[in-house]
Protein backbone atom coordinates (compact mmCIF):
# COMPACT_ATOMS: atom_id res chain seq x y z
CA MET A 1 99.58 87.64 185.35
CA PHE A 2 101.60 90.81 184.89
CA ASP A 3 100.57 93.80 187.05
CA ILE A 4 100.89 97.01 184.98
CA PHE A 5 100.62 99.10 188.15
CA LYS A 6 104.11 97.94 189.18
CA LEU A 7 105.82 99.40 186.08
CA LYS A 8 108.59 101.92 186.71
CA PRO A 9 107.97 105.44 185.42
CA LEU A 10 109.86 106.95 182.45
CA VAL A 11 110.81 103.51 181.04
CA THR A 12 109.89 102.35 177.51
CA PHE A 13 108.34 98.91 177.32
CA ALA A 14 107.41 96.70 174.30
CA TRP A 15 104.55 94.22 174.48
CA VAL A 16 103.04 91.55 172.28
CA VAL A 17 100.08 89.25 172.48
CA LEU A 18 100.83 85.64 171.68
CA PHE A 19 97.87 83.85 170.05
CA VAL A 20 97.95 80.13 170.78
CA CYS A 21 96.00 77.80 168.49
CA ILE A 22 94.91 74.41 169.67
CA LEU A 23 93.67 72.28 166.76
CA THR A 24 90.93 69.97 167.86
CA VAL A 25 89.51 67.76 165.12
CA THR A 26 85.93 67.11 166.17
CA PRO A 27 83.25 65.65 163.92
CA ALA A 28 80.32 67.97 163.27
CA MET A 29 77.39 67.10 165.52
CA SER A 30 74.00 68.53 166.37
CA GLY A 31 74.50 71.95 167.88
CA SER A 32 78.05 72.32 166.58
CA PRO A 33 78.88 75.03 163.97
CA TYR A 34 78.24 74.32 160.33
CA VAL A 35 81.12 72.86 158.38
CA PRO A 36 83.02 75.75 156.70
CA SER A 37 82.30 75.65 152.95
CA ASP A 38 82.39 77.56 149.63
CA PRO A 39 86.00 78.73 149.97
CA ILE A 40 87.63 81.62 148.17
CA PRO A 41 90.16 80.80 146.73
CA SER A 42 88.20 77.71 145.71
CA ASP A 43 89.85 74.35 146.10
CA GLY A 44 92.47 73.63 143.41
CA VAL A 45 92.30 77.09 141.80
CA THR A 46 95.23 79.10 140.41
CA TRP A 47 95.40 82.46 142.22
CA THR A 48 97.07 85.41 140.49
CA ASP A 49 96.64 88.37 142.89
CA LEU A 50 99.77 88.02 145.00
CA TYR A 51 99.57 91.44 146.68
CA ASP A 52 95.95 91.60 147.85
CA PHE A 53 95.26 88.16 149.25
CA TYR A 54 92.29 87.20 151.40
CA LEU A 55 90.35 84.10 152.46
CA MET A 56 86.55 83.80 152.52
CA TRP A 57 84.15 80.98 153.40
CA ASP A 58 80.61 80.26 154.51
CA GLY A 59 79.90 79.29 158.12
CA GLY A 60 77.37 79.83 160.87
CA ASP A 61 75.77 77.85 163.69
CA PRO A 62 72.39 76.04 163.81
CA ASP A 63 71.71 77.38 167.33
CA GLY A 64 72.64 80.96 166.57
CA ASP A 65 75.68 80.72 168.86
CA THR A 66 78.60 83.07 168.33
CA VAL A 67 81.26 81.34 166.23
CA MET A 68 85.00 81.97 166.22
CA TYR A 69 86.97 80.79 163.20
CA THR A 70 90.60 79.71 163.51
CA ILE A 71 92.60 79.88 160.27
CA TYR A 72 95.43 77.47 159.51
CA PHE A 73 97.56 78.45 156.53
CA ASP A 74 100.12 75.94 155.23
CA GLY A 75 99.55 73.98 158.46
CA ILE A 76 100.35 76.97 160.71
CA CYS A 77 97.78 78.72 162.86
CA ARG A 78 97.66 82.28 161.60
CA ALA A 79 94.60 83.97 163.10
CA ALA A 80 91.22 83.71 164.77
CA THR A 81 88.25 85.85 163.76
CA TYR A 82 84.51 86.13 164.23
CA ASP A 83 84.11 87.05 160.53
CA THR A 84 84.02 84.65 157.58
CA PHE A 85 86.70 86.77 155.95
CA TRP A 86 90.39 87.18 156.69
CA ARG A 87 92.94 89.31 154.82
CA MET A 88 96.55 88.18 154.85
CA TYR A 89 99.01 91.05 154.51
CA ASP A 90 101.93 88.83 153.47
CA THR A 91 102.94 88.88 149.79
CA LEU A 92 102.66 85.40 148.34
CA GLU A 93 105.45 83.91 146.29
CA PRO A 94 104.52 83.13 142.66
CA ASN A 95 104.36 79.55 141.44
CA SER A 96 103.90 78.09 144.91
CA ASP A 97 101.38 75.64 146.41
CA HIS A 98 99.42 76.43 149.58
CA THR A 99 96.85 74.77 151.85
CA TRP A 100 94.39 76.29 154.29
CA GLN A 101 91.74 75.17 156.74
CA VAL A 102 89.11 76.80 158.94
CA VAL A 103 88.08 75.38 162.33
CA ALA A 104 84.79 76.76 163.71
CA THR A 105 84.23 76.92 167.52
CA ASP A 106 80.92 78.16 168.93
CA SER A 107 80.27 79.81 172.27
CA ALA A 108 78.84 76.54 173.65
CA GLY A 109 82.10 74.72 173.01
CA GLY A 110 81.08 72.91 169.84
CA VAL A 111 83.90 72.50 167.32
CA THR A 112 83.68 71.72 163.58
CA SER A 113 86.77 71.38 161.36
CA GLY A 114 86.47 72.29 157.70
CA PRO A 115 88.24 70.39 154.91
CA VAL A 116 91.80 71.22 153.91
CA TRP A 117 91.69 73.33 150.74
CA SER A 118 94.56 74.11 148.39
CA PHE A 119 95.50 76.59 145.65
CA THR A 120 98.49 77.50 143.51
CA THR A 121 99.83 81.01 143.02
CA ARG A 122 100.82 82.42 139.67
CA GLU A 123 102.06 85.87 138.84
CA ASP A 124 99.96 87.19 135.95
CA TRP A 125 100.41 90.21 133.72
CA PRO A 126 97.62 91.88 131.78
CA PRO A 127 97.39 91.31 127.97
CA PHE A 128 99.39 93.39 125.55
CA TYR A 129 97.98 96.75 124.50
CA PRO A 130 95.72 97.06 121.39
CA CYS A 131 97.01 99.75 119.03
CA CYS A 132 97.19 100.91 115.39
CA PRO A 133 93.50 100.76 114.40
CA GLN A 134 92.07 100.14 110.95
CA PRO A 135 90.05 102.09 109.92
CA SER A 136 92.56 104.62 111.18
CA ASN A 137 91.48 106.99 113.91
CA GLY A 138 89.44 109.80 112.34
CA ALA A 139 88.92 107.98 109.00
CA THR A 140 85.96 108.98 106.81
CA GLY A 141 83.87 107.24 104.15
CA VAL A 142 83.90 103.98 106.11
CA ASN A 143 81.47 101.16 105.22
CA MET A 144 78.45 100.36 107.36
CA MET A 145 79.79 96.89 108.18
CA PRO A 146 83.55 97.47 108.30
CA THR A 147 86.20 95.01 109.34
CA LEU A 148 87.77 96.50 112.47
CA SER A 149 91.45 95.63 112.83
CA TRP A 150 94.20 96.37 115.34
CA LYS A 151 97.76 95.42 116.15
CA ILE A 152 99.36 94.31 119.40
CA TYR A 153 101.91 96.60 121.03
CA ARG A 154 104.58 94.62 122.90
CA PRO A 155 106.85 96.74 125.12
CA TRP A 156 109.05 93.66 125.57
CA PRO A 157 110.46 92.87 122.11
CA LEU A 158 111.39 89.27 122.93
CA ARG A 159 107.84 88.34 123.95
CA THR A 160 105.37 86.87 121.46
CA GLY A 161 101.66 86.18 121.44
CA CYS A 162 98.75 88.23 122.79
CA ASP A 163 99.85 88.16 126.45
CA PRO A 164 103.20 88.43 128.22
CA ASP A 165 102.40 85.24 130.20
CA PRO A 166 103.01 82.09 128.14
CA GLY A 167 99.93 79.92 128.00
CA ASP A 168 97.40 82.69 128.67
CA THR A 169 94.52 82.86 126.21
CA VAL A 170 93.11 86.27 125.32
CA LYS A 171 89.59 87.29 124.35
CA TYR A 172 88.94 90.66 122.72
CA VAL A 173 85.70 92.50 123.43
CA ILE A 174 84.67 95.07 120.82
CA LYS A 175 82.63 98.12 121.81
CA ILE A 176 81.05 100.51 119.31
CA ASP A 177 79.57 103.79 120.55
CA GLY A 178 80.09 102.54 124.10
CA VAL A 179 78.06 99.35 123.57
CA ARG A 180 79.54 95.85 123.58
CA VAL A 181 78.72 94.41 120.13
CA GLY A 182 80.93 91.34 119.89
CA GLU A 183 83.97 89.44 120.96
CA THR A 184 86.57 87.27 119.35
CA ASP A 185 89.15 84.80 120.56
CA ASN A 186 91.45 82.09 119.20
CA LEU A 187 93.24 84.77 117.19
CA SER A 188 96.85 84.35 116.18
CA CYS A 189 98.73 87.33 117.56
CA GLU A 190 101.64 86.48 115.28
CA THR A 191 99.70 87.97 112.35
CA THR A 192 100.10 91.63 111.42
CA TYR A 193 96.53 92.55 112.33
CA LEU A 194 93.76 91.06 114.44
CA SER A 195 90.26 91.75 113.15
CA TRP A 196 86.52 91.50 113.70
CA LYS A 197 83.83 92.27 111.10
CA VAL A 198 80.70 94.17 112.05
CA PRO A 199 77.76 91.77 111.39
CA PRO A 200 74.53 92.82 109.63
CA GLN A 201 72.59 93.07 112.91
CA HIS A 202 75.03 95.75 114.04
CA ALA A 203 75.29 97.62 110.71
CA LEU A 204 76.19 101.24 111.43
CA GLU A 205 74.24 104.36 110.61
CA PRO A 206 75.52 106.13 107.47
CA GLY A 207 76.98 109.65 107.60
CA LYS A 208 77.71 109.46 111.32
CA THR A 209 80.85 109.50 113.50
CA HIS A 210 81.17 106.29 115.53
CA THR A 211 83.58 105.49 118.36
CA TRP A 212 85.07 102.05 118.99
CA LYS A 213 87.37 100.35 121.45
CA VAL A 214 89.00 96.95 121.93
CA VAL A 215 89.30 95.49 125.44
CA ALA A 216 91.60 92.48 125.95
CA HIS A 217 90.72 89.93 128.68
CA ASP A 218 93.12 87.11 129.54
CA SER A 219 92.17 83.72 130.98
CA TYR A 220 93.09 84.83 134.54
CA GLY A 221 90.89 87.92 134.62
CA GLU A 222 93.50 90.55 133.74
CA VAL A 223 92.19 93.30 131.45
CA THR A 224 93.83 95.81 129.08
CA ALA A 225 91.61 98.40 127.41
CA GLY A 226 92.78 100.08 124.22
CA PRO A 227 92.14 103.78 123.55
CA GLU A 228 88.88 105.03 122.11
CA TRP A 229 89.10 105.50 118.34
CA SER A 230 86.59 106.95 115.89
CA PHE A 231 85.62 107.00 112.21
CA THR A 232 82.83 108.47 110.09
CA THR A 233 80.69 106.27 107.86
CA ALA A 234 79.92 106.98 104.21
CA PRO A 235 77.05 109.35 103.44
CA PRO A 236 73.54 107.92 102.96
CA GLY A 237 72.75 106.40 99.56
CA ALA A 238 71.28 102.90 99.85
CA PRO A 239 70.59 100.81 96.70
CA TYR A 240 67.19 100.86 95.04
CA THR A 241 64.65 98.25 96.11
CA PRO A 242 64.66 94.91 94.21
CA SER A 243 61.35 94.31 92.37
CA ASN A 244 59.57 92.32 89.63
CA PRO A 245 60.35 88.82 90.92
CA SER A 246 60.42 85.67 88.81
CA PRO A 247 58.78 83.34 89.69
CA ALA A 248 56.03 85.89 90.22
CA ASN A 249 54.79 86.38 93.75
CA GLY A 250 52.26 83.63 94.50
CA ALA A 251 53.27 81.47 91.50
CA THR A 252 52.47 77.74 91.59
CA ASP A 253 53.94 74.57 90.01
CA VAL A 254 57.44 76.04 90.32
CA SER A 255 60.46 73.80 89.86
CA CYS A 256 62.21 72.59 93.01
CA MET A 257 65.42 74.09 91.59
CA PRO A 258 64.10 77.31 90.06
CA THR A 259 66.07 80.21 88.62
CA LEU A 260 65.19 83.26 90.73
CA SER A 261 65.43 86.67 89.06
CA TRP A 262 64.46 90.27 89.76
CA THR A 263 64.98 93.83 88.55
CA GLY A 264 66.16 96.94 90.36
CA GLY A 265 68.93 97.13 92.88
CA GLY A 266 70.89 99.95 91.24
CA ASP A 267 72.52 102.56 93.42
CA PRO A 268 72.00 106.35 93.50
CA ASN A 269 75.72 106.92 94.11
CA GLY A 270 76.83 104.55 91.35
CA ASP A 271 78.24 102.10 93.92
CA ASN A 272 78.64 98.46 92.96
CA VAL A 273 75.74 96.34 94.19
CA THR A 274 75.51 92.66 95.15
CA PHE A 275 72.38 90.74 96.06
CA ILE A 276 71.84 88.54 99.09
CA ILE A 277 69.24 85.81 98.51
CA LYS A 278 67.22 84.38 101.37
CA ILE A 279 64.87 81.41 101.01
CA ASP A 280 62.51 80.53 103.85
CA GLY A 281 64.35 83.04 106.01
CA VAL A 282 67.79 81.47 105.46
CA ARG A 283 70.60 83.19 103.59
CA VAL A 284 71.58 80.86 100.75
CA ALA A 285 73.73 82.93 98.39
CA GLU A 286 75.17 86.31 97.39
CA THR A 287 75.59 87.26 93.74
CA GLU A 288 76.46 90.28 91.61
CA TYR A 289 73.83 89.30 89.02
CA ASN A 290 70.06 89.81 88.94
CA SER A 291 69.40 86.09 88.85
CA TRP A 292 70.44 82.95 90.72
CA LYS A 293 69.61 79.26 90.20
CA VAL A 294 68.90 77.07 93.20
CA PRO A 295 71.63 74.36 93.16
CA ILE A 296 71.03 70.66 93.58
CA ASN A 297 72.21 70.60 97.18
CA LEU A 298 69.52 73.19 98.07
CA SER A 299 66.69 71.59 96.06
CA LEU A 300 63.42 72.74 97.62
CA ALA A 301 60.72 70.52 99.06
CA ALA A 302 58.03 69.63 96.54
CA GLY A 303 54.39 70.64 97.08
CA ALA A 304 55.32 73.35 99.57
CA THR A 305 55.05 77.13 99.67
CA HIS A 306 58.43 78.82 99.98
CA THR A 307 59.23 82.45 100.72
CA TRP A 308 62.17 84.36 99.30
CA LYS A 309 63.69 87.78 99.53
CA VAL A 310 66.50 89.71 97.87
CA VAL A 311 68.58 92.23 99.83
CA ALA A 312 70.59 94.72 97.75
CA LYS A 313 73.94 95.63 99.31
CA ASP A 314 76.21 98.34 97.90
CA SER A 315 79.97 98.68 98.26
CA THR A 316 79.52 100.82 101.39
CA ASP A 317 77.48 98.01 103.03
CA GLN A 318 74.23 99.96 102.89
CA LEU A 319 71.33 97.52 102.60
CA THR A 320 67.91 97.70 100.95
CA PRO A 321 65.73 94.63 101.49
CA GLY A 322 63.15 93.75 98.86
CA PRO A 323 59.64 92.63 99.77
CA LEU A 324 58.93 89.08 100.89
CA TRP A 325 57.75 86.99 97.91
CA SER A 326 56.49 83.42 97.75
CA PHE A 327 55.81 80.55 95.33
CA THR A 328 54.60 76.96 95.58
CA THR A 329 56.64 74.10 94.12
CA VAL A 330 55.32 71.28 91.93
CA PRO A 331 53.48 68.37 93.58
CA PRO A 332 55.65 65.53 94.89
CA GLY A 333 56.82 63.03 92.28
CA ALA A 334 60.59 62.64 92.66
CA PRO A 335 62.58 60.19 90.51
CA TYR A 336 62.92 56.62 91.71
CA VAL A 337 65.95 56.06 93.91
CA PRO A 338 68.78 54.67 91.75
CA SER A 339 69.38 51.03 92.63
CA ASN A 340 70.89 47.71 91.41
CA PRO A 341 74.42 49.08 90.88
CA SER A 342 76.97 47.53 88.58
CA PRO A 343 79.70 46.90 89.63
CA ALA A 344 77.80 45.43 92.57
CA ASN A 345 78.35 46.95 95.97
CA GLY A 346 81.55 45.38 97.38
CA ALA A 347 82.80 44.08 94.01
CA THR A 348 86.54 43.42 93.61
CA GLY A 349 88.92 43.30 90.66
CA VAL A 350 87.16 46.21 88.94
CA LYS A 351 88.80 47.88 85.93
CA MET A 352 90.41 51.32 86.14
CA LEU A 353 87.75 52.82 83.84
CA PRO A 354 84.65 50.77 84.62
CA LYS A 355 81.24 51.13 83.04
CA LEU A 356 78.83 52.02 85.86
CA SER A 357 75.15 51.22 85.56
CA TRP A 358 71.97 51.24 87.69
CA THR A 359 68.22 51.24 87.42
CA GLY A 360 66.20 54.45 87.74
CA GLY A 361 63.26 56.27 86.20
CA ASP A 362 60.48 58.61 87.31
CA PRO A 363 56.85 58.04 88.38
CA ASN A 364 55.69 60.86 86.09
CA PRO A 365 55.98 59.71 82.46
CA GLY A 366 56.42 63.26 81.18
CA ASP A 367 59.46 64.01 83.36
CA THR A 368 62.96 63.52 82.01
CA VAL A 369 65.68 62.43 84.40
CA LYS A 370 69.35 63.36 84.45
CA TYR A 371 71.81 61.36 86.52
CA ILE A 372 74.83 62.91 88.23
CA ILE A 373 77.65 60.49 89.06
CA LYS A 374 80.01 61.01 91.98
CA ILE A 375 83.11 58.92 92.65
CA ASP A 376 84.87 59.29 95.99
CA GLY A 377 82.65 62.27 96.73
CA GLU A 378 83.65 64.16 93.56
CA ARG A 379 81.32 64.79 90.61
CA VAL A 380 82.75 63.09 87.50
CA GLY A 381 79.92 63.45 85.00
CA LYS A 382 76.21 63.36 84.19
CA THR A 383 74.03 61.48 81.73
CA VAL A 384 70.41 60.90 80.73
CA ASN A 385 71.16 57.17 80.49
CA THR A 386 71.26 54.67 83.34
CA TYR A 387 74.90 53.88 82.62
CA PHE A 388 78.12 55.87 82.56
CA LYS A 389 81.61 55.03 81.28
CA VAL A 390 84.18 56.47 83.64
CA PRO A 391 86.49 58.75 81.59
CA ILE A 392 90.22 58.68 82.00
CA LEU A 393 91.15 61.35 84.51
CA ASP A 394 94.44 62.75 85.72
CA ASP A 395 93.55 61.37 89.16
CA ALA A 396 92.38 58.01 87.78
CA MET A 397 91.58 55.15 90.15
CA GLU A 398 94.71 53.53 91.51
CA PRO A 399 94.93 49.73 91.37
CA ASN A 400 93.89 47.63 94.39
CA THR A 401 92.12 50.52 96.12
CA TYR A 402 88.61 51.05 97.45
CA HIS A 403 86.39 53.62 95.71
CA SER A 404 82.90 54.80 96.63
CA TRP A 405 80.27 55.99 94.17
CA ARG A 406 76.67 57.14 94.12
CA VAL A 407 74.11 58.46 91.65
CA LEU A 408 71.85 61.52 92.03
CA ALA A 409 68.66 61.52 89.96
CA VAL A 410 67.27 64.96 89.00
CA ASP A 411 64.01 65.24 87.08
CA SER A 412 62.77 68.13 84.94
CA THR A 413 60.82 69.59 87.89
CA GLY A 414 64.01 69.89 89.95
CA GLN A 415 63.14 67.04 92.33
CA VAL A 416 66.14 65.02 93.46
CA THR A 417 66.74 61.54 94.86
CA ARG A 418 70.06 60.06 95.92
CA SER A 419 71.20 56.49 95.79
CA TRP A 420 72.98 54.72 98.61
CA VAL A 421 76.76 55.05 98.60
CA TRP A 422 78.18 51.96 96.93
CA GLY A 423 81.78 50.79 96.76
CA PHE A 424 84.18 48.51 94.88
CA ILE A 425 87.87 47.59 94.88
CA THR A 426 89.91 47.97 91.71
CA GLY A 427 92.10 45.22 90.29
CA SER A 428 95.81 44.99 89.41
CA TYR A 429 96.23 46.95 86.18
CA PRO A 430 99.24 48.90 84.82
CA TRP A 431 99.97 52.01 86.86
CA ILE A 432 102.60 54.69 86.17
CA THR A 433 104.05 56.24 89.32
CA GLY A 434 106.80 58.40 87.76
CA LEU A 435 108.97 59.26 84.79
CA GLN A 436 112.67 59.96 84.37
CA PRO A 437 113.87 62.47 83.32
CA TYR A 438 111.38 64.39 85.44
CA SER A 439 109.11 66.95 83.79
CA GLY A 440 110.31 69.69 86.12
CA SER A 441 113.09 70.62 83.69
CA PHE A 442 112.42 72.11 80.25
CA PRO A 443 112.53 70.24 78.07
CA ALA A 444 112.46 67.05 80.13
CA ALA A 445 113.31 64.97 77.08
CA LYS A 446 114.21 65.39 73.43
CA PRO A 447 113.88 63.18 70.34
CA GLY A 448 116.13 60.15 70.70
CA TYR A 449 116.27 60.41 74.51
CA THR A 450 115.96 57.43 76.82
CA VAL A 451 112.95 57.58 79.19
CA TRP A 452 112.43 55.42 82.28
CA ILE A 453 108.78 54.66 83.13
CA ASN A 454 108.37 53.50 86.74
CA GLY A 455 105.25 51.89 88.15
CA ASN A 456 103.48 48.64 88.98
CA TYR A 457 101.66 45.75 87.32
CA PHE A 458 103.15 46.29 83.85
CA GLY A 459 103.51 42.51 83.52
CA THR A 460 106.57 40.60 82.42
CA THR A 461 105.56 40.20 78.77
CA PRO A 462 106.34 43.39 76.79
CA GLY A 463 103.47 45.49 75.55
CA SER A 464 103.68 48.99 74.10
CA VAL A 465 103.82 52.67 75.07
CA LYS A 466 101.67 55.40 73.52
CA LEU A 467 102.67 59.06 73.20
CA ILE A 468 99.66 61.38 72.84
CA ASN A 469 99.82 65.04 71.84
CA PRO A 470 96.97 66.69 73.81
CA VAL A 471 96.84 69.65 71.39
CA THR A 472 96.59 67.85 68.06
CA GLY A 473 95.21 64.57 69.39
CA SER A 474 97.87 62.71 67.35
CA SER A 475 99.55 59.72 68.93
CA ARG A 476 102.53 57.44 68.30
CA LEU A 477 102.74 53.85 69.53
CA ILE A 478 106.21 52.67 70.54
CA GLY A 479 106.61 48.90 70.53
CA THR A 480 109.37 46.35 70.91
CA TYR A 481 111.04 47.09 67.59
CA ALA A 482 114.56 46.10 66.75
CA TYR A 483 117.30 47.86 68.64
CA GLY A 484 118.34 51.04 66.86
CA SER A 485 115.01 51.67 65.21
CA GLU A 486 114.62 55.35 64.40
CA PHE A 487 110.90 55.13 65.12
CA GLY A 488 111.61 54.61 68.82
CA TYR A 489 111.45 51.31 70.67
CA VAL A 490 111.08 49.58 74.04
CA SER A 491 114.50 48.47 75.18
CA SER A 492 113.55 46.95 78.55
CA TRP A 493 110.31 45.75 80.13
CA SER A 494 109.63 44.47 83.65
CA ASP A 495 106.67 44.49 86.01
CA THR A 496 107.84 47.74 87.68
CA GLN A 497 109.92 49.56 85.04
CA ILE A 498 109.89 50.13 81.30
CA ILE A 499 112.74 51.79 79.40
CA ILE A 500 111.98 53.35 76.00
CA ARG A 501 113.93 55.29 73.39
CA LEU A 502 111.96 58.22 71.93
CA PRO A 503 111.70 58.48 68.12
CA PHE A 504 114.47 60.39 66.44
CA ALA A 505 113.97 63.95 65.19
CA ILE A 506 113.17 63.12 61.57
CA TYR A 507 110.09 61.12 62.58
CA TRP A 508 108.40 63.89 64.60
CA GLY A 509 106.05 65.18 61.92
CA SER A 510 103.99 68.33 62.17
CA ASP A 511 101.11 66.21 63.49
CA MET A 512 103.17 65.38 66.60
CA SER A 513 103.95 69.05 67.17
CA LEU A 514 107.13 69.54 69.18
CA PRO A 515 107.61 71.03 71.67
CA ALA A 516 104.61 69.94 73.76
CA GLU A 517 103.64 68.32 77.05
CA TYR A 518 102.88 64.74 76.00
CA ARG A 519 100.67 62.21 77.71
CA ILE A 520 102.30 58.81 78.15
CA ARG A 521 100.29 55.61 78.67
CA VAL A 522 101.36 51.98 78.96
CA LYS A 523 99.47 49.14 77.31
CA SER A 524 100.18 45.75 78.82
CA ALA A 525 100.40 42.58 76.77
CA ASP A 526 96.78 41.67 77.63
CA GLY A 527 95.55 44.98 76.17
CA THR A 528 94.92 46.80 79.49
CA TRP A 529 95.77 50.51 79.50
CA SER A 530 97.42 52.39 82.36
CA ASN A 531 96.75 55.83 83.76
CA ARG A 532 98.30 58.92 82.14
CA ALA A 533 101.64 60.49 82.98
CA TYR A 534 103.00 63.74 81.54
CA MET A 535 106.37 64.72 80.10
CA TYR A 536 107.46 67.83 78.24
CA ILE A 537 109.23 66.86 75.04
CA GLY A 538 111.02 69.49 72.98
CA TRP A 539 113.94 70.13 70.65
């Protein structure tokens, strides 16, 4: 031991205390300190504050003994403390991995070693600065539910995105009049403006100056608050109250797909007015007219009482809700579910334009039923019959492909039933995949030109080609006439390509009407027609 009383006078001395750590790994046992837990930084976390770094944990002792905690950082003993907190005054390097451990020793000699925890450092910058507001700062006459927009100011011109750190996600919190009213994320900061629309529940008071601010939060807790901006909303002048409903309030035996109508809804300032329709408390549509028909996909339940309301909204977003009305729909009696499809479910070798049929009907003899036909999810027609001939469409069914179809039955009371989804596979029929010369040039072809028709399943025996003028409805059939025929002819025919010569100029009568975009179809030798292709033919 050094005796300080033997120091010479008037001499400067330096001194240091060396702290020696002895790591003893001892299992926790009764009476020993609790195992250190709940670390900060938590195990495996990414830590971004490189200049104010500290360690925290939970500890203690079951016997109430005094506990000393020894801290090992990156395997090196750094300190001992009686607190469950230790601040490290070193500046951590970014993008580096670290481990740390706490060993607890109580005054009775019990020792408990905590687990080895780890974290990774990352230098993080706050998000870029919100700027350039819309509505502009100090704007007047602003709507009650405006779309608030802002740009991103980047002091570093080569950086992109919402944050200077690649990979950081940014959430924007919007405050109006000092109150947080919403937030938005997943925005593309490569667009000119970022935006958020004020929802109806936060509609602003008319004729008043409102303040707003955007606060950017990145995924590592860094925050950038924009300046406080302001605007003044349009003066008061809400639309008139909707009234005189049809169906009348309390009406019964109403169709399940009724046409709702009302009067009123004008505006004292002459502003344009639209109407928001709510049925059973749910917003279902918005229209500029004083009537709206319930569509088939929203067909109402039969034999039930339904409420509805119309909210008038003017061009400044001022709202006037109408009263709550109600009606009761007709008693249940929906059409029978369409069944027994033809072609049968799973059929193969089906024609390109098949005749679809099914069984149907309605339990109420006085109800008429209309059938809506959908193919591959798209509506292709409707009929009052229980059959439907598929029309030729520009996107006709390709050969050897699977197609689904179903039938919706709608009776005169608006009740709807839907068939199962059926399916079939088409057969191998003529199919045009392209024409040469292409129709991108004008004209693509002229009288007397050679045209190449490319496709599949034309067959090896020559058939014919039909030219159809879609304006006049006139058509001209080109067959395998003798070479040199001025009426046009087929000069070559194979399963995948047909070559034709268009009729010469003298045989394009006024009924054929040049120039025009003609439809071209192929008829195989067995009489099967192809899909349609288009070519512009002119002089």
